Amino acid sequence: MKYLYPLVAFLLISQFVKAQTGSSPDTSGNKKERVFTSIEKVPSFPGGTENFYRYLAKNLRYPDVARLVGINGRLKVSFVVERDGSIAEATPMNCIGAGCEAEAVKLLENSPKWSPGMQNSRPVRVAYSVPITFSTEPRIVKMSELRQSGYGFVFNIKGAMYTIDEAEKILGVQFQSTSVEIAEPFFNYNKIEKFNIRGKKDIYLVIMKSS
């Protein structure tokens, strides 16, 4: 199955209106600096918005598990454009799982430096928010593919927990990716023996949609 390139939407919170300010810790020391949410001159990505689209589309990568189970969803990530144009404090504001949040944060943190925002002819810190959509073609997820991967899987089906073998008896040997609600790291805090999966890089909980 051929995957679509991630579809990326870009929305700037900052507007060309009177500056409003908040306060957050300065990442370079203990002094607190204002973070602007609106600004006289907004920060800009090198080459403009279209180049930012291209940067996201070219560099955004689907995490392995998200690709395996066909995760689709829209993340909103907040961040600060620092006075030197670097990106700081990238923070997911929602979750779609399977490592997509970490990938989106990494992408923003590795962004080329922006032209900083300006207020009263001085560079200032500016708060932004970016929605990033992870989108693939709907696909058939085979239990055999999940078993053969480097990851372990536990399933939540209608609120009950199952091993992959138990889930296969309920879902069958394959299922539609569109039936997955979210996939998130699984930690067997209750130390239930049947959920101790060894020899895998990470274990994920696949939560299926209830309907």
N, C-alpha and C. Protein backbone atom coordinates (compact mmCIF):
# COMPACT_ATOMS: atom_id res chain seq x y z
N MET A 1 0.85 -1.18 0.00
CA MET A 1 0.00 0.00 0.00
C MET A 1 0.89 1.24 0.00
N LYS A 2 0.69 2.11 -0.92
CA LYS A 2 1.47 3.33 -1.00
C LYS A 2 0.88 4.37 -0.06
N TYR A 3 1.74 5.01 0.72
CA TYR A 3 1.30 6.01 1.68
C TYR A 3 1.34 7.40 1.07
N LEU A 4 0.36 8.20 1.43
CA LEU A 4 0.36 9.59 1.02
C LEU A 4 1.40 10.34 1.82
N TYR A 5 1.99 11.40 1.22
CA TYR A 5 2.85 12.30 1.99
C TYR A 5 2.02 12.94 3.08
N PRO A 6 2.56 13.15 4.24
CA PRO A 6 1.78 13.83 5.28
C PRO A 6 1.23 15.16 4.78
N LEU A 7 -0.04 15.37 5.07
CA LEU A 7 -0.68 16.64 4.72
C LEU A 7 -0.46 17.61 5.87
N VAL A 8 0.03 18.77 5.55
CA VAL A 8 0.43 19.71 6.60
C VAL A 8 -0.33 21.01 6.47
N ALA A 9 -0.97 21.41 7.56
CA ALA A 9 -1.65 22.71 7.59
C ALA A 9 -0.88 23.64 8.49
N PHE A 10 -0.89 24.91 8.12
CA PHE A 10 -0.08 25.87 8.88
C PHE A 10 -0.94 27.08 9.21
N LEU A 11 -1.03 27.42 10.50
CA LEU A 11 -1.85 28.54 10.94
C LEU A 11 -1.07 29.38 11.92
N LEU A 12 -0.90 30.65 11.65
CA LEU A 12 -0.20 31.54 12.56
C LEU A 12 -1.19 32.16 13.52
N ILE A 13 -0.85 32.09 14.83
CA ILE A 13 -1.68 32.76 15.82
C ILE A 13 -1.43 34.26 15.81
N SER A 14 -0.18 34.63 15.61
CA SER A 14 0.17 36.05 15.67
C SER A 14 -0.50 36.83 14.55
N GLN A 15 -0.94 38.04 14.86
CA GLN A 15 -1.59 38.89 13.88
C GLN A 15 -0.95 40.28 13.92
N PHE A 16 -1.16 41.06 12.86
CA PHE A 16 -0.63 42.42 12.82
C PHE A 16 -1.58 43.35 13.58
N VAL A 17 -1.59 43.20 14.92
CA VAL A 17 -2.45 44.03 15.76
C VAL A 17 -1.63 44.49 16.95
N LYS A 18 -2.27 45.27 17.81
CA LYS A 18 -1.58 45.79 18.99
C LYS A 18 -1.03 44.65 19.83
N ALA A 19 0.20 44.80 20.29
CA ALA A 19 0.87 43.73 21.03
C ALA A 19 0.20 43.46 22.36
N GLN A 20 0.00 42.17 22.66
CA GLN A 20 -0.41 41.73 23.97
C GLN A 20 0.72 40.85 24.46
N THR A 21 0.97 40.85 25.76
CA THR A 21 2.12 40.10 26.25
C THR A 21 1.73 39.17 27.38
N GLY A 22 2.53 38.12 27.49
CA GLY A 22 2.43 37.22 28.63
C GLY A 22 3.80 37.12 29.24
N SER A 23 3.99 36.13 30.12
CA SER A 23 5.29 35.98 30.76
C SER A 23 5.64 34.52 30.84
N SER A 24 6.90 34.18 30.54
CA SER A 24 7.38 32.81 30.68
C SER A 24 8.85 32.85 30.98
N PRO A 25 9.40 31.76 31.56
CA PRO A 25 10.82 31.78 31.93
C PRO A 25 11.71 31.94 30.71
N ASP A 26 12.76 32.69 30.86
CA ASP A 26 13.79 32.80 29.82
C ASP A 26 14.59 31.52 29.82
N THR A 27 14.69 30.84 28.69
CA THR A 27 15.38 29.56 28.61
C THR A 27 16.87 29.71 28.81
N SER A 28 17.40 30.93 28.74
CA SER A 28 18.84 31.13 28.89
C SER A 28 19.23 31.52 30.31
N GLY A 29 18.27 31.64 31.22
CA GLY A 29 18.61 32.05 32.57
C GLY A 29 17.38 32.11 33.45
N ASN A 30 17.49 32.79 34.57
CA ASN A 30 16.39 32.85 35.52
C ASN A 30 15.46 34.02 35.27
N LYS A 31 15.90 35.00 34.51
CA LYS A 31 15.09 36.18 34.25
C LYS A 31 13.87 35.82 33.41
N LYS A 32 12.74 36.40 33.78
CA LYS A 32 11.53 36.16 33.01
C LYS A 32 11.39 37.19 31.90
N GLU A 33 11.03 36.72 30.74
CA GLU A 33 10.84 37.61 29.60
C GLU A 33 9.42 37.50 29.08
N ARG A 34 8.94 38.59 28.54
CA ARG A 34 7.62 38.58 27.94
C ARG A 34 7.61 37.76 26.66
N VAL A 35 6.52 37.06 26.46
CA VAL A 35 6.30 36.35 25.20
C VAL A 35 5.09 36.98 24.53
N PHE A 36 5.27 37.50 23.34
CA PHE A 36 4.21 38.19 22.63
C PHE A 36 3.31 37.20 21.91
N THR A 37 1.99 37.45 21.99
CA THR A 37 1.04 36.65 21.23
C THR A 37 0.50 37.41 20.03
N SER A 38 0.76 38.70 19.99
CA SER A 38 0.51 39.49 18.77
C SER A 38 1.60 40.54 18.71
N ILE A 39 1.91 41.00 17.52
CA ILE A 39 3.18 41.69 17.35
C ILE A 39 3.11 42.64 16.15
N GLU A 40 3.93 43.68 16.17
CA GLU A 40 3.96 44.62 15.04
C GLU A 40 4.48 43.96 13.77
N LYS A 41 5.56 43.18 13.90
CA LYS A 41 6.11 42.45 12.77
C LYS A 41 6.29 41.00 13.17
N VAL A 42 5.53 40.11 12.53
CA VAL A 42 5.56 38.71 12.92
C VAL A 42 6.85 38.04 12.45
N PRO A 43 7.31 37.00 13.16
CA PRO A 43 8.45 36.23 12.68
C PRO A 43 8.11 35.58 11.34
N SER A 44 9.12 35.26 10.58
CA SER A 44 8.88 34.61 9.28
C SER A 44 9.93 33.54 9.03
N PHE A 45 9.47 32.44 8.45
CA PHE A 45 10.34 31.34 8.06
C PHE A 45 11.16 31.77 6.84
N PRO A 46 12.41 31.32 6.70
CA PRO A 46 13.21 31.69 5.53
C PRO A 46 12.50 31.37 4.22
N GLY A 47 12.29 32.37 3.41
CA GLY A 47 11.60 32.16 2.14
C GLY A 47 10.10 32.28 2.22
N GLY A 48 9.57 32.47 3.42
CA GLY A 48 8.14 32.70 3.56
C GLY A 48 7.34 31.45 3.87
N THR A 49 6.03 31.64 3.92
CA THR A 49 5.11 30.59 4.33
C THR A 49 5.17 29.37 3.42
N GLU A 50 5.24 29.59 2.10
CA GLU A 50 5.27 28.46 1.18
C GLU A 50 6.49 27.59 1.42
N ASN A 51 7.62 28.20 1.74
CA ASN A 51 8.81 27.42 2.06
C ASN A 51 8.64 26.64 3.36
N PHE A 52 7.88 27.21 4.29
CA PHE A 52 7.61 26.48 5.52
C PHE A 52 6.77 25.24 5.22
N TYR A 53 5.75 25.40 4.34
CA TYR A 53 4.97 24.24 3.90
C TYR A 53 5.89 23.16 3.35
N ARG A 54 6.81 23.58 2.49
CA ARG A 54 7.71 22.62 1.85
C ARG A 54 8.61 21.94 2.87
N TYR A 55 9.10 22.72 3.82
CA TYR A 55 9.95 22.15 4.86
C TYR A 55 9.21 21.07 5.63
N LEU A 56 7.98 21.36 6.02
CA LEU A 56 7.20 20.38 6.77
C LEU A 56 6.93 19.14 5.93
N ALA A 57 6.46 19.33 4.70
CA ALA A 57 6.12 18.19 3.85
C ALA A 57 7.33 17.32 3.54
N LYS A 58 8.49 17.94 3.37
CA LYS A 58 9.70 17.20 3.02
C LYS A 58 10.28 16.45 4.21
N ASN A 59 10.17 17.02 5.40
CA ASN A 59 10.90 16.48 6.54
C ASN A 59 10.05 15.73 7.56
N LEU A 60 8.74 15.90 7.51
CA LEU A 60 7.88 15.19 8.45
C LEU A 60 7.86 13.70 8.10
N ARG A 61 8.15 12.86 9.06
CA ARG A 61 8.20 11.42 8.85
C ARG A 61 7.20 10.70 9.76
N TYR A 62 6.53 9.73 9.19
CA TYR A 62 5.63 8.92 10.00
C TYR A 62 6.42 8.01 10.91
N PRO A 63 6.17 8.02 12.23
CA PRO A 63 6.79 7.04 13.11
C PRO A 63 6.39 5.62 12.70
N ASP A 64 7.26 4.67 12.99
CA ASP A 64 7.02 3.29 12.56
C ASP A 64 5.66 2.75 13.00
N VAL A 65 5.34 2.93 14.28
CA VAL A 65 4.09 2.37 14.80
C VAL A 65 2.88 3.06 14.20
N ALA A 66 2.97 4.37 14.02
CA ALA A 66 1.86 5.10 13.40
C ALA A 66 1.60 4.58 11.99
N ARG A 67 2.67 4.27 11.28
CA ARG A 67 2.53 3.72 9.93
C ARG A 67 1.95 2.30 9.97
N LEU A 68 2.42 1.50 10.93
CA LEU A 68 1.97 0.11 11.03
C LEU A 68 0.46 0.01 11.25
N VAL A 69 -0.07 0.85 12.16
CA VAL A 69 -1.49 0.74 12.50
C VAL A 69 -2.35 1.77 11.78
N GLY A 70 -1.72 2.62 10.96
CA GLY A 70 -2.47 3.57 10.14
C GLY A 70 -3.05 4.73 10.91
N ILE A 71 -2.26 5.32 11.80
CA ILE A 71 -2.74 6.46 12.59
C ILE A 71 -2.97 7.67 11.69
N ASN A 72 -4.13 8.28 11.81
CA ASN A 72 -4.43 9.54 11.15
C ASN A 72 -4.88 10.53 12.22
N GLY A 73 -4.50 11.77 12.07
CA GLY A 73 -4.96 12.75 13.03
C GLY A 73 -4.26 14.09 12.87
N ARG A 74 -4.78 15.06 13.60
CA ARG A 74 -4.27 16.42 13.51
C ARG A 74 -3.72 16.85 14.87
N LEU A 75 -2.47 17.20 14.89
CA LEU A 75 -1.81 17.70 16.09
C LEU A 75 -1.74 19.21 16.05
N LYS A 76 -1.87 19.82 17.21
CA LYS A 76 -1.61 21.24 17.33
C LYS A 76 -0.43 21.42 18.25
N VAL A 77 0.61 22.09 17.78
CA VAL A 77 1.84 22.26 18.54
C VAL A 77 2.10 23.73 18.77
N SER A 78 2.28 24.11 20.03
CA SER A 78 2.64 25.49 20.36
C SER A 78 4.16 25.59 20.45
N PHE A 79 4.69 26.76 20.16
CA PHE A 79 6.12 26.98 20.28
C PHE A 79 6.41 28.47 20.37
N VAL A 80 7.65 28.79 20.68
CA VAL A 80 8.08 30.18 20.80
C VAL A 80 9.19 30.43 19.79
N VAL A 81 9.06 31.50 19.01
CA VAL A 81 10.16 31.96 18.16
C VAL A 81 10.99 32.92 19.00
N GLU A 82 12.23 32.52 19.28
CA GLU A 82 13.08 33.32 20.15
C GLU A 82 13.60 34.57 19.43
N ARG A 83 14.25 35.43 20.19
CA ARG A 83 14.76 36.68 19.62
C ARG A 83 15.82 36.46 18.55
N ASP A 84 16.51 35.30 18.62
CA ASP A 84 17.51 35.00 17.59
C ASP A 84 16.93 34.17 16.44
N GLY A 85 15.60 33.94 16.45
CA GLY A 85 14.94 33.20 15.38
C GLY A 85 14.87 31.71 15.60
N SER A 86 15.47 31.20 16.67
CA SER A 86 15.41 29.77 16.95
C SER A 86 14.04 29.40 17.54
N ILE A 87 13.72 28.10 17.48
CA ILE A 87 12.45 27.61 17.99
C ILE A 87 12.66 26.97 19.36
N ALA A 88 11.83 27.33 20.32
CA ALA A 88 11.93 26.79 21.67
C ALA A 88 10.54 26.43 22.18
N GLU A 89 10.52 25.61 23.22
CA GLU A 89 9.29 25.28 23.96
C GLU A 89 8.22 24.68 23.07
N ALA A 90 8.62 23.89 22.07
CA ALA A 90 7.63 23.20 21.24
C ALA A 90 6.89 22.18 22.09
N THR A 91 5.57 22.31 22.14
CA THR A 91 4.77 21.49 23.05
C THR A 91 3.48 21.05 22.36
N PRO A 92 3.22 19.74 22.23
CA PRO A 92 1.94 19.28 21.67
C PRO A 92 0.79 19.71 22.57
N MET A 93 -0.28 20.18 21.95
CA MET A 93 -1.45 20.61 22.71
C MET A 93 -2.54 19.55 22.73
N ASN A 94 -2.36 18.49 21.94
CA ASN A 94 -3.27 17.35 21.96
C ASN A 94 -2.45 16.12 21.58
N CYS A 95 -3.09 14.97 21.54
CA CYS A 95 -2.36 13.72 21.31
C CYS A 95 -3.09 12.85 20.29
N ILE A 96 -2.34 12.30 19.31
CA ILE A 96 -2.91 11.29 18.42
C ILE A 96 -2.14 9.98 18.54
N GLY A 97 -1.00 10.00 19.26
CA GLY A 97 -0.32 8.78 19.64
C GLY A 97 0.71 8.27 18.67
N ALA A 98 1.28 7.12 19.05
CA ALA A 98 2.23 6.35 18.22
C ALA A 98 3.48 7.13 17.85
N GLY A 99 3.88 8.07 18.69
CA GLY A 99 5.11 8.82 18.44
C GLY A 99 4.96 10.03 17.56
N CYS A 100 3.73 10.35 17.13
CA CYS A 100 3.52 11.50 16.24
C CYS A 100 3.87 12.81 16.94
N GLU A 101 3.58 12.90 18.24
CA GLU A 101 3.87 14.12 18.99
C GLU A 101 5.37 14.41 19.01
N ALA A 102 6.16 13.37 19.30
CA ALA A 102 7.61 13.55 19.34
C ALA A 102 8.16 13.93 17.97
N GLU A 103 7.60 13.35 16.91
CA GLU A 103 8.05 13.67 15.56
C GLU A 103 7.75 15.12 15.21
N ALA A 104 6.56 15.60 15.57
CA ALA A 104 6.19 16.98 15.28
C ALA A 104 7.08 17.96 16.04
N VAL A 105 7.35 17.66 17.30
CA VAL A 105 8.23 18.53 18.10
C VAL A 105 9.63 18.55 17.50
N LYS A 106 10.15 17.40 17.15
CA LYS A 106 11.48 17.30 16.55
C LYS A 106 11.56 18.13 15.28
N LEU A 107 10.53 18.05 14.46
CA LEU A 107 10.51 18.78 13.20
C LEU A 107 10.60 20.28 13.43
N LEU A 108 9.86 20.79 14.40
CA LEU A 108 9.88 22.22 14.69
C LEU A 108 11.20 22.65 15.31
N GLU A 109 11.70 21.83 16.23
CA GLU A 109 12.96 22.18 16.90
C GLU A 109 14.14 22.20 15.93
N ASN A 110 14.05 21.40 14.87
CA ASN A 110 15.13 21.35 13.88
C ASN A 110 14.92 22.35 12.74
N SER A 111 13.91 23.17 12.85
CA SER A 111 13.62 24.16 11.81
C SER A 111 14.78 25.13 11.65
N PRO A 112 15.04 25.56 10.42
CA PRO A 112 16.00 26.66 10.23
C PRO A 112 15.55 27.89 11.03
N LYS A 113 16.49 28.74 11.38
CA LYS A 113 16.13 29.92 12.15
C LYS A 113 15.22 30.85 11.36
N TRP A 114 14.24 31.39 12.04
CA TRP A 114 13.31 32.34 11.46
C TRP A 114 13.88 33.75 11.58
N SER A 115 13.29 34.66 10.82
CA SER A 115 13.50 36.08 11.10
C SER A 115 12.65 36.40 12.32
N PRO A 116 13.23 36.95 13.38
CA PRO A 116 12.48 37.11 14.63
C PRO A 116 11.37 38.15 14.51
N GLY A 117 10.41 38.05 15.43
CA GLY A 117 9.38 39.06 15.52
C GLY A 117 9.95 40.36 16.07
N MET A 118 9.36 41.47 15.67
CA MET A 118 9.86 42.78 16.09
C MET A 118 8.75 43.58 16.76
N GLN A 119 9.11 44.22 17.84
CA GLN A 119 8.20 45.12 18.55
C GLN A 119 9.00 46.34 18.97
N ASN A 120 8.55 47.53 18.56
CA ASN A 120 9.28 48.77 18.84
C ASN A 120 10.72 48.69 18.33
N SER A 121 10.87 48.09 17.14
CA SER A 121 12.16 47.97 16.45
C SER A 121 13.16 47.07 17.17
N ARG A 122 12.65 46.23 18.07
CA ARG A 122 13.53 45.31 18.79
C ARG A 122 13.01 43.88 18.64
N PRO A 123 13.92 42.88 18.51
CA PRO A 123 13.47 41.49 18.43
C PRO A 123 12.88 41.04 19.76
N VAL A 124 11.78 40.31 19.69
CA VAL A 124 11.10 39.82 20.89
C VAL A 124 10.71 38.36 20.69
N ARG A 125 10.39 37.71 21.79
CA ARG A 125 9.91 36.33 21.75
C ARG A 125 8.43 36.32 21.37
N VAL A 126 8.06 35.42 20.46
CA VAL A 126 6.68 35.40 19.96
C VAL A 126 6.11 33.99 20.05
N ALA A 127 4.90 33.87 20.58
CA ALA A 127 4.22 32.58 20.71
C ALA A 127 3.44 32.27 19.44
N TYR A 128 3.58 31.03 18.97
CA TYR A 128 2.87 30.57 17.79
C TYR A 128 2.18 29.25 18.10
N SER A 129 1.29 28.86 17.20
CA SER A 129 0.68 27.54 17.25
C SER A 129 0.55 27.02 15.83
N VAL A 130 0.92 25.75 15.61
CA VAL A 130 0.90 25.16 14.28
C VAL A 130 0.11 23.85 14.30
N PRO A 131 -0.93 23.71 13.49
CA PRO A 131 -1.57 22.40 13.34
C PRO A 131 -0.84 21.58 12.27
N ILE A 132 -0.52 20.34 12.60
CA ILE A 132 0.17 19.45 11.67
C ILE A 132 -0.66 18.18 11.54
N THR A 133 -1.04 17.84 10.32
CA THR A 133 -1.90 16.69 10.08
C THR A 133 -1.09 15.50 9.57
N PHE A 134 -1.23 14.39 10.27
CA PHE A 134 -0.67 13.12 9.81
C PHE A 134 -1.78 12.38 9.07
N SER A 135 -1.55 12.06 7.82
CA SER A 135 -2.62 11.44 7.04
C SER A 135 -2.05 10.37 6.11
N THR A 136 -2.63 9.19 6.16
CA THR A 136 -2.27 8.11 5.25
C THR A 136 -3.53 7.55 4.62
N GLU A 137 -3.35 6.80 3.56
CA GLU A 137 -4.48 6.10 2.97
C GLU A 137 -4.98 5.03 3.94
N PRO A 138 -6.31 4.86 4.04
CA PRO A 138 -6.82 3.75 4.85
C PRO A 138 -6.23 2.43 4.34
N ARG A 139 -5.93 1.53 5.27
CA ARG A 139 -5.30 0.28 4.87
C ARG A 139 -5.76 -0.87 5.75
N ILE A 140 -5.46 -2.06 5.28
CA ILE A 140 -5.70 -3.26 6.08
C ILE A 140 -4.48 -3.51 6.95
N VAL A 141 -4.70 -3.63 8.25
CA VAL A 141 -3.63 -3.93 9.19
C VAL A 141 -3.68 -5.43 9.49
N LYS A 142 -2.61 -6.13 9.19
CA LYS A 142 -2.56 -7.56 9.42
C LYS A 142 -1.89 -7.86 10.76
N MET A 143 -2.50 -8.74 11.52
CA MET A 143 -1.92 -9.12 12.80
C MET A 143 -0.52 -9.70 12.60
N SER A 144 -0.32 -10.42 11.52
CA SER A 144 0.99 -11.01 11.26
C SER A 144 2.05 -9.94 11.09
N GLU A 145 1.70 -8.81 10.47
CA GLU A 145 2.65 -7.71 10.32
C GLU A 145 3.03 -7.13 11.67
N LEU A 146 2.06 -7.00 12.55
CA LEU A 146 2.33 -6.46 13.88
C LEU A 146 3.25 -7.40 14.65
N ARG A 147 3.01 -8.70 14.55
CA ARG A 147 3.85 -9.67 15.26
C ARG A 147 5.28 -9.64 14.74
N GLN A 148 5.44 -9.46 13.44
CA GLN A 148 6.77 -9.52 12.83
C GLN A 148 7.56 -8.22 12.99
N SER A 149 6.88 -7.17 13.44
CA SER A 149 7.56 -5.89 13.62
C SER A 149 8.43 -5.92 14.86
N GLY A 150 9.19 -4.86 15.07
CA GLY A 150 10.04 -4.77 16.25
C GLY A 150 9.31 -4.29 17.48
N TYR A 151 7.99 -4.19 17.41
CA TYR A 151 7.20 -3.65 18.51
C TYR A 151 6.21 -4.68 19.02
N GLY A 152 5.87 -4.56 20.30
CA GLY A 152 4.84 -5.39 20.88
C GLY A 152 3.53 -4.61 20.97
N PHE A 153 2.42 -5.35 20.96
CA PHE A 153 1.11 -4.68 20.95
C PHE A 153 0.15 -5.33 21.94
N VAL A 154 -0.55 -4.46 22.67
CA VAL A 154 -1.66 -4.84 23.53
C VAL A 154 -2.87 -4.08 23.01
N PHE A 155 -4.05 -4.68 23.08
CA PHE A 155 -5.25 -4.06 22.52
C PHE A 155 -6.26 -3.72 23.60
N ASN A 156 -6.91 -2.58 23.41
CA ASN A 156 -8.06 -2.19 24.21
C ASN A 156 -9.27 -2.20 23.29
N ILE A 157 -10.17 -3.15 23.52
CA ILE A 157 -11.37 -3.30 22.68
C ILE A 157 -12.60 -3.13 23.57
N LYS A 158 -13.31 -2.06 23.36
CA LYS A 158 -14.51 -1.73 24.14
C LYS A 158 -14.21 -1.72 25.64
N GLY A 159 -13.04 -1.17 25.99
CA GLY A 159 -12.69 -0.97 27.38
C GLY A 159 -12.01 -2.15 28.05
N ALA A 160 -11.89 -3.28 27.37
CA ALA A 160 -11.23 -4.45 27.94
C ALA A 160 -9.86 -4.64 27.29
N MET A 161 -8.91 -5.17 28.07
CA MET A 161 -7.55 -5.33 27.60
C MET A 161 -7.31 -6.75 27.10
N TYR A 162 -6.59 -6.84 25.96
CA TYR A 162 -6.33 -8.14 25.36
C TYR A 162 -4.90 -8.21 24.82
N THR A 163 -4.33 -9.41 24.85
CA THR A 163 -3.08 -9.65 24.13
C THR A 163 -3.39 -9.65 22.64
N ILE A 164 -2.35 -9.66 21.82
CA ILE A 164 -2.57 -9.67 20.37
C ILE A 164 -3.26 -10.97 19.94
N ASP A 165 -2.94 -12.08 20.61
CA ASP A 165 -3.59 -13.36 20.27
C ASP A 165 -5.06 -13.32 20.63
N GLU A 166 -5.38 -12.74 21.78
CA GLU A 166 -6.78 -12.62 22.18
C GLU A 166 -7.53 -11.67 21.27
N ALA A 167 -6.87 -10.57 20.91
CA ALA A 167 -7.51 -9.59 20.02
C ALA A 167 -7.80 -10.20 18.66
N GLU A 168 -6.90 -11.05 18.20
CA GLU A 168 -7.10 -11.67 16.89
C GLU A 168 -8.37 -12.53 16.86
N LYS A 169 -8.71 -13.15 17.98
CA LYS A 169 -9.93 -13.96 18.04
C LYS A 169 -11.18 -13.08 17.95
N ILE A 170 -11.04 -11.81 18.35
CA ILE A 170 -12.17 -10.88 18.30
C ILE A 170 -12.23 -10.12 16.98
N LEU A 171 -11.06 -9.61 16.55
CA LEU A 171 -11.00 -8.75 15.37
C LEU A 171 -10.76 -9.52 14.09
N GLY A 172 -10.22 -10.72 14.21
CA GLY A 172 -9.83 -11.48 13.02
C GLY A 172 -8.35 -11.28 12.73
N VAL A 173 -7.88 -11.88 11.67
CA VAL A 173 -6.45 -11.83 11.32
C VAL A 173 -6.05 -10.47 10.77
N GLN A 174 -7.01 -9.62 10.48
CA GLN A 174 -6.72 -8.28 10.00
C GLN A 174 -7.87 -7.34 10.34
N PHE A 175 -7.59 -6.04 10.32
CA PHE A 175 -8.63 -5.06 10.60
C PHE A 175 -8.33 -3.78 9.84
N GLN A 176 -9.33 -2.94 9.71
CA GLN A 176 -9.17 -1.67 9.01
C GLN A 176 -8.44 -0.66 9.90
N SER A 177 -7.50 0.07 9.32
CA SER A 177 -6.78 1.08 10.09
C SER A 177 -7.72 2.16 10.62
N THR A 178 -8.82 2.40 9.92
CA THR A 178 -9.77 3.43 10.34
C THR A 178 -10.50 3.06 11.63
N SER A 179 -10.36 1.80 12.08
CA SER A 179 -11.01 1.39 13.32
C SER A 179 -10.14 1.66 14.54
N VAL A 180 -8.93 2.20 14.32
CA VAL A 180 -8.02 2.52 15.43
C VAL A 180 -8.28 3.94 15.92
N GLU A 181 -8.49 4.06 17.23
CA GLU A 181 -8.69 5.38 17.83
C GLU A 181 -7.35 6.06 18.09
N ILE A 182 -6.43 5.33 18.74
CA ILE A 182 -5.13 5.88 19.08
C ILE A 182 -4.20 4.72 19.44
N ALA A 183 -2.91 4.94 19.32
CA ALA A 183 -1.92 3.96 19.78
C ALA A 183 -0.94 4.72 20.66
N GLU A 184 -0.75 4.25 21.89
CA GLU A 184 0.08 4.97 22.84
C GLU A 184 1.00 4.00 23.57
N PRO A 185 2.13 4.50 24.08
CA PRO A 185 3.04 3.61 24.81
C PRO A 185 2.33 2.89 25.94
N PHE A 186 2.66 1.61 26.11
CA PHE A 186 2.02 0.80 27.15
C PHE A 186 3.05 0.43 28.20
N PHE A 187 2.70 0.67 29.45
CA PHE A 187 3.55 0.32 30.58
C PHE A 187 2.75 -0.61 31.49
N ASN A 188 3.23 -1.80 31.66
CA ASN A 188 2.52 -2.81 32.43
C ASN A 188 2.68 -2.57 33.92
N TYR A 189 2.11 -1.46 34.39
CA TYR A 189 2.28 -1.06 35.78
C TYR A 189 1.73 -2.10 36.75
N ASN A 190 0.66 -2.78 36.36
CA ASN A 190 0.04 -3.78 37.23
C ASN A 190 0.75 -5.13 37.15
N LYS A 191 1.78 -5.20 36.32
CA LYS A 191 2.60 -6.40 36.19
C LYS A 191 1.77 -7.65 35.90
N ILE A 192 0.85 -7.49 34.95
CA ILE A 192 0.04 -8.62 34.52
C ILE A 192 0.88 -9.48 33.58
N GLU A 193 1.06 -10.73 33.94
CA GLU A 193 2.01 -11.60 33.26
C GLU A 193 1.77 -11.68 31.76
N LYS A 194 0.53 -11.81 31.35
CA LYS A 194 0.27 -12.02 29.92
C LYS A 194 0.61 -10.79 29.08
N PHE A 195 0.78 -9.64 29.74
CA PHE A 195 1.15 -8.42 29.01
C PHE A 195 2.65 -8.13 29.07
N ASN A 196 3.41 -9.04 29.64
CA ASN A 196 4.87 -8.91 29.63
C ASN A 196 5.38 -9.40 28.27
N ILE A 197 5.70 -8.46 27.41
CA ILE A 197 6.15 -8.79 26.06
C ILE A 197 7.65 -8.50 25.98
N ARG A 198 8.40 -9.52 25.73
CA ARG A 198 9.86 -9.39 25.74
C ARG A 198 10.41 -9.42 24.32
N GLY A 199 11.61 -8.86 24.19
CA GLY A 199 12.30 -8.91 22.91
C GLY A 199 11.83 -7.88 21.89
N LYS A 200 11.09 -6.87 22.34
CA LYS A 200 10.59 -5.82 21.46
C LYS A 200 11.17 -4.47 21.88
N LYS A 201 11.29 -3.55 20.92
CA LYS A 201 11.84 -2.23 21.22
C LYS A 201 10.95 -1.45 22.18
N ASP A 202 9.66 -1.45 21.89
CA ASP A 202 8.68 -0.76 22.71
C ASP A 202 7.37 -1.51 22.62
N ILE A 203 6.51 -1.28 23.61
CA ILE A 203 5.18 -1.89 23.63
C ILE A 203 4.15 -0.79 23.48
N TYR A 204 3.15 -1.01 22.62
CA TYR A 204 2.10 -0.01 22.40
C TYR A 204 0.73 -0.59 22.68
N LEU A 205 -0.12 0.27 23.24
CA LEU A 205 -1.52 -0.05 23.45
C LEU A 205 -2.32 0.51 22.29
N VAL A 206 -2.99 -0.37 21.56
CA VAL A 206 -3.83 0.03 20.44
C VAL A 206 -5.26 0.09 20.91
N ILE A 207 -5.82 1.29 20.97
CA ILE A 207 -7.19 1.47 21.43
C ILE A 207 -8.10 1.53 20.20
N MET A 208 -9.00 0.58 20.13
CA MET A 208 -9.93 0.50 19.00
C MET A 208 -11.15 1.37 19.24
N LYS A 209 -11.69 1.93 18.19
CA LYS A 209 -12.91 2.73 18.30
C LYS A 209 -14.05 1.84 18.80
N SER A 210 -14.91 2.42 19.60
CA SER A 210 -15.99 1.64 20.21
C SER A 210 -17.10 1.33 19.24
N SER A 211 -17.16 2.07 18.13
CA SER A 211 -18.23 1.79 17.16
C SER A 211 -17.68 1.93 15.74
